């Protein structure tokens, strides 16, 4: 499993469970705690996740936040996805952020891999 694949799976876990301990994530993916901390640090740059420190510490989806809200139509999502092949990298990043925030998990592969 590549780092990108692992990070996508961490997002999937957090989307389903809302929170998880770093040690548990390390065990699930067979990597060190430090690797998971680094992955979480990278993911938190683009996704609504946070690290809670302390006795009951964990990594969690920020309260009230979700990935892939699915509040734009399929036609709008398809249009935005088709535009990704025609724009430069900074605009591609903006399109990905928009689709992650408002798109459907159905298009997750195209959004992340596009």
C-alpha atoms as a PDB file:
ATOM      1  CA  UNK A   1       0.000   0.000   0.000  1.00  0.00           C
ATOM      2  CA  UNK A   2       1.384   3.385  -0.963  1.00  0.00           C
ATOM      3  CA  UNK A   3       1.311   6.428   1.312  1.00  0.00           C
ATOM      4  CA  UNK A   4      -1.462   7.964  -0.796  1.00  0.00           C
ATOM      5  CA  UNK A   5      -3.575   4.809  -0.599  1.00  0.00           C
ATOM      6  CA  UNK A   6      -3.009   4.607   3.161  1.00  0.00           C
ATOM      7  CA  UNK A   7      -4.043   8.236   3.624  1.00  0.00           C
ATOM      8  CA  UNK A   8      -7.225   7.689   1.632  1.00  0.00           C
ATOM      9  CA  UNK A   9      -8.010   4.685   3.818  1.00  0.00           C
ATOM     10  CA  UNK A  10      -7.362   6.761   6.967  1.00  0.00           C
ATOM     11  CA  UNK A  11      -9.925   9.250   5.645  1.00  0.00           C
ATOM     12  CA  UNK A  12     -12.359   6.394   5.062  1.00  0.00           C
ATOM     13  CA  UNK A  13     -11.891   5.159   8.636  1.00  0.00           C
ATOM     14  CA  UNK A  14     -12.417   8.651  10.047  1.00  0.00           C
ATOM     15  CA  UNK A  15     -15.448   9.242   7.857  1.00  0.00           C
ATOM     16  CA  UNK A  16     -17.063   6.023   9.098  1.00  0.00           C
ATOM     17  CA  UNK A  17     -15.973   6.027  12.749  1.00  0.00           C
ATOM     18  CA  UNK A  18     -15.569   9.812  13.252  1.00  0.00           C
ATOM     19  CA  UNK A  19     -12.513   9.215  15.492  1.00  0.00           C
ATOM     20  CA  UNK A  20      -9.792   6.673  16.131  1.00  0.00           C
ATOM     21  CA  UNK A  21      -6.674   6.322  18.271  1.00  0.00           C
ATOM     22  CA  UNK A  22      -3.336   6.761  16.493  1.00  0.00           C
ATOM     23  CA  UNK A  23      -2.079   3.438  17.904  1.00  0.00           C
ATOM     24  CA  UNK A  24      -5.094   1.670  16.441  1.00  0.00           C
ATOM     25  CA  UNK A  25      -4.540   3.255  13.025  1.00  0.00           C
ATOM     26  CA  UNK A  26      -0.873   2.200  13.141  1.00  0.00           C
ATOM     27  CA  UNK A  27      -1.923  -1.385  13.907  1.00  0.00           C
ATOM     28  CA  UNK A  28      -4.588  -1.406  11.176  1.00  0.00           C
ATOM     29  CA  UNK A  29      -2.140  -0.266   8.504  1.00  0.00           C
ATOM     30  CA  UNK A  30       0.948  -2.045   9.829  1.00  0.00           C
ATOM     31  CA  UNK A  31       3.059   1.108  10.107  1.00  0.00           C
ATOM     32  CA  UNK A  32       4.642   3.053  12.944  1.00  0.00           C
ATOM     33  CA  UNK A  33       2.836   5.589  15.103  1.00  0.00           C
ATOM     34  CA  UNK A  34       5.176   8.242  13.677  1.00  0.00           C
ATOM     35  CA  UNK A  35       4.075   7.358  10.127  1.00  0.00           C
ATOM     36  CA  UNK A  36       0.409   7.775  11.099  1.00  0.00           C
ATOM     37  CA  UNK A  37       1.165  11.095  12.811  1.00  0.00           C
ATOM     38  CA  UNK A  38       2.880  12.290   9.633  1.00  0.00           C
ATOM     39  CA  UNK A  39      -0.042  11.071   7.489  1.00  0.00           C
ATOM     40  CA  UNK A  40      -2.509  12.895   9.754  1.00  0.00           C
ATOM     41  CA  UNK A  41      -0.409  16.047   9.556  1.00  0.00           C
ATOM     42  CA  UNK A  42      -0.494  15.898   5.751  1.00  0.00           C
ATOM     43  CA  UNK A  43      -4.217  15.079   5.636  1.00  0.00           C
ATOM     44  CA  UNK A  44      -5.130  17.904   7.991  1.00  0.00           C
ATOM     45  CA  UNK A  45      -3.872  20.413   5.422  1.00  0.00           C
ATOM     46  CA  UNK A  46      -6.756  19.574   3.062  1.00  0.00           C
ATOM     47  CA  UNK A  47      -9.334  17.789   5.203  1.00  0.00           C
ATOM     48  CA  UNK A  48     -11.430  18.636   8.283  1.00  0.00           C
ATOM     49  CA  UNK A  49      -9.540  16.380  10.682  1.00  0.00           C
ATOM     50  CA  UNK A  50      -7.788  17.210  13.920  1.00  0.00           C
ATOM     51  CA  UNK A  51      -5.658  15.566  16.581  1.00  0.00           C
ATOM     52  CA  UNK A  52      -6.883  15.597  20.155  1.00  0.00           C
ATOM     53  CA  UNK A  53      -4.084  15.293  22.719  1.00  0.00           C
ATOM     54  CA  UNK A  54      -4.256  13.978  26.242  1.00  0.00           C
ATOM     55  CA  UNK A  55      -5.449  10.882  28.018  1.00  0.00           C
ATOM     56  CA  UNK A  56      -8.341  10.352  25.617  1.00  0.00           C
ATOM     57  CA  UNK A  57      -6.417  11.561  22.594  1.00  0.00           C
ATOM     58  CA  UNK A  58      -7.352  10.541  19.105  1.00  0.00           C
ATOM     59  CA  UNK A  59      -7.569  11.647  15.510  1.00  0.00           C
ATOM     60  CA  UNK A  60     -11.056  12.742  14.570  1.00  0.00           C
ATOM     61  CA  UNK A  61     -13.203  14.364  11.985  1.00  0.00           C
ATOM     62  CA  UNK A  62     -13.870  17.903  13.186  1.00  0.00           C
ATOM     63  CA  UNK A  63     -17.282  18.200  14.838  1.00  0.00           C
ATOM     64  CA  UNK A  64     -19.990  19.035  12.328  1.00  0.00           C
ATOM     65  CA  UNK A  65     -17.674  18.446   9.355  1.00  0.00           C
ATOM     66  CA  UNK A  66     -17.843  15.713   6.765  1.00  0.00           C
ATOM     67  CA  UNK A  67     -16.051  14.882   3.597  1.00  0.00           C
ATOM     68  CA  UNK A  68     -18.148  14.649   0.436  1.00  0.00           C
ATOM     69  CA  UNK A  69     -21.332  16.460   1.446  1.00  0.00           C
ATOM     70  CA  UNK A  70     -23.058  15.563  -1.835  1.00  0.00           C
ATOM     71  CA  UNK A  71     -24.853  18.899  -2.034  1.00  0.00           C
ATOM     72  CA  UNK A  72     -24.188  19.558  -5.712  1.00  0.00           C
ATOM     73  CA  UNK A  73     -25.855  17.665  -8.537  1.00  0.00           C
ATOM     74  CA  UNK A  74     -24.309  14.765 -10.444  1.00  0.00           C
ATOM     75  CA  UNK A  75     -24.218  16.905 -13.580  1.00  0.00           C
ATOM     76  CA  UNK A  76     -22.299  19.636 -11.725  1.00  0.00           C
ATOM     77  CA  UNK A  77     -19.842  17.083 -10.361  1.00  0.00           C
ATOM     78  CA  UNK A  78     -19.282  15.549 -13.780  1.00  0.00           C
ATOM     79  CA  UNK A  79     -18.661  18.995 -15.260  1.00  0.00           C
ATOM     80  CA  UNK A  80     -16.109  19.854 -12.564  1.00  0.00           C
ATOM     81  CA  UNK A  81     -14.400  16.490 -13.024  1.00  0.00           C
ATOM     82  CA  UNK A  82     -14.183  16.992 -16.792  1.00  0.00           C
ATOM     83  CA  UNK A  83     -12.554  20.384 -16.230  1.00  0.00           C
ATOM     84  CA  UNK A  84      -9.696  18.816 -14.258  1.00  0.00           C
ATOM     85  CA  UNK A  85      -8.009  17.630 -17.473  1.00  0.00           C
ATOM     86  CA  UNK A  86      -8.029  21.144 -18.893  1.00  0.00           C
ATOM     87  CA  UNK A  87      -6.567  23.224 -16.041  1.00  0.00           C
ATOM     88  CA  UNK A  88      -3.153  23.699 -14.451  1.00  0.00           C
ATOM     89  CA  UNK A  89      -2.169  22.137 -11.108  1.00  0.00           C
ATOM     90  CA  UNK A  90      -3.212  25.022  -8.814  1.00  0.00           C
ATOM     91  CA  UNK A  91      -6.688  25.067 -10.373  1.00  0.00           C
ATOM     92  CA  UNK A  92      -6.836  21.265 -10.217  1.00  0.00           C
ATOM     93  CA  UNK A  93      -6.190  21.491  -6.490  1.00  0.00           C
ATOM     94  CA  UNK A  94      -9.033  24.008  -6.133  1.00  0.00           C
ATOM     95  CA  UNK A  95     -11.389  21.750  -8.080  1.00  0.00           C
ATOM     96  CA  UNK A  96     -10.450  18.787  -5.855  1.00  0.00           C
ATOM     97  CA  UNK A  97     -11.107  20.845  -2.730  1.00  0.00           C
ATOM     98  CA  UNK A  98     -14.483  21.935  -4.079  1.00  0.00           C
ATOM     99  CA  UNK A  99     -15.465  18.389  -5.010  1.00  0.00           C
ATOM    100  CA  UNK A 100     -14.304  17.003  -1.648  1.00  0.00           C
ATOM    101  CA  UNK A 101     -16.309  19.627   0.176  1.00  0.00           C
ATOM    102  CA  UNK A 102     -19.497  19.396  -1.881  1.00  0.00           C
ATOM    103  CA  UNK A 103     -19.304  16.322  -4.081  1.00  0.00           C
ATOM    104  CA  UNK A 104     -20.317  12.720  -3.697  1.00  0.00           C
ATOM    105  CA  UNK A 105     -18.210   9.885  -2.318  1.00  0.00           C
ATOM    106  CA  UNK A 106     -19.281   8.061  -5.495  1.00  0.00           C
ATOM    107  CA  UNK A 107     -16.698  10.126  -7.388  1.00  0.00           C
ATOM    108  CA  UNK A 108     -13.947   9.748  -4.754  1.00  0.00           C
ATOM    109  CA  UNK A 109     -11.631   7.775  -7.050  1.00  0.00           C
ATOM    110  CA  UNK A 110     -11.883  10.358  -9.810  1.00  0.00           C
ATOM    111  CA  UNK A 111     -11.462  13.243  -7.370  1.00  0.00           C
ATOM    112  CA  UNK A 112      -8.410  11.833  -5.613  1.00  0.00           C
ATOM    113  CA  UNK A 113      -6.801  10.281  -8.661  1.00  0.00           C
ATOM    114  CA  UNK A 114      -7.719  13.003 -11.127  1.00  0.00           C
END
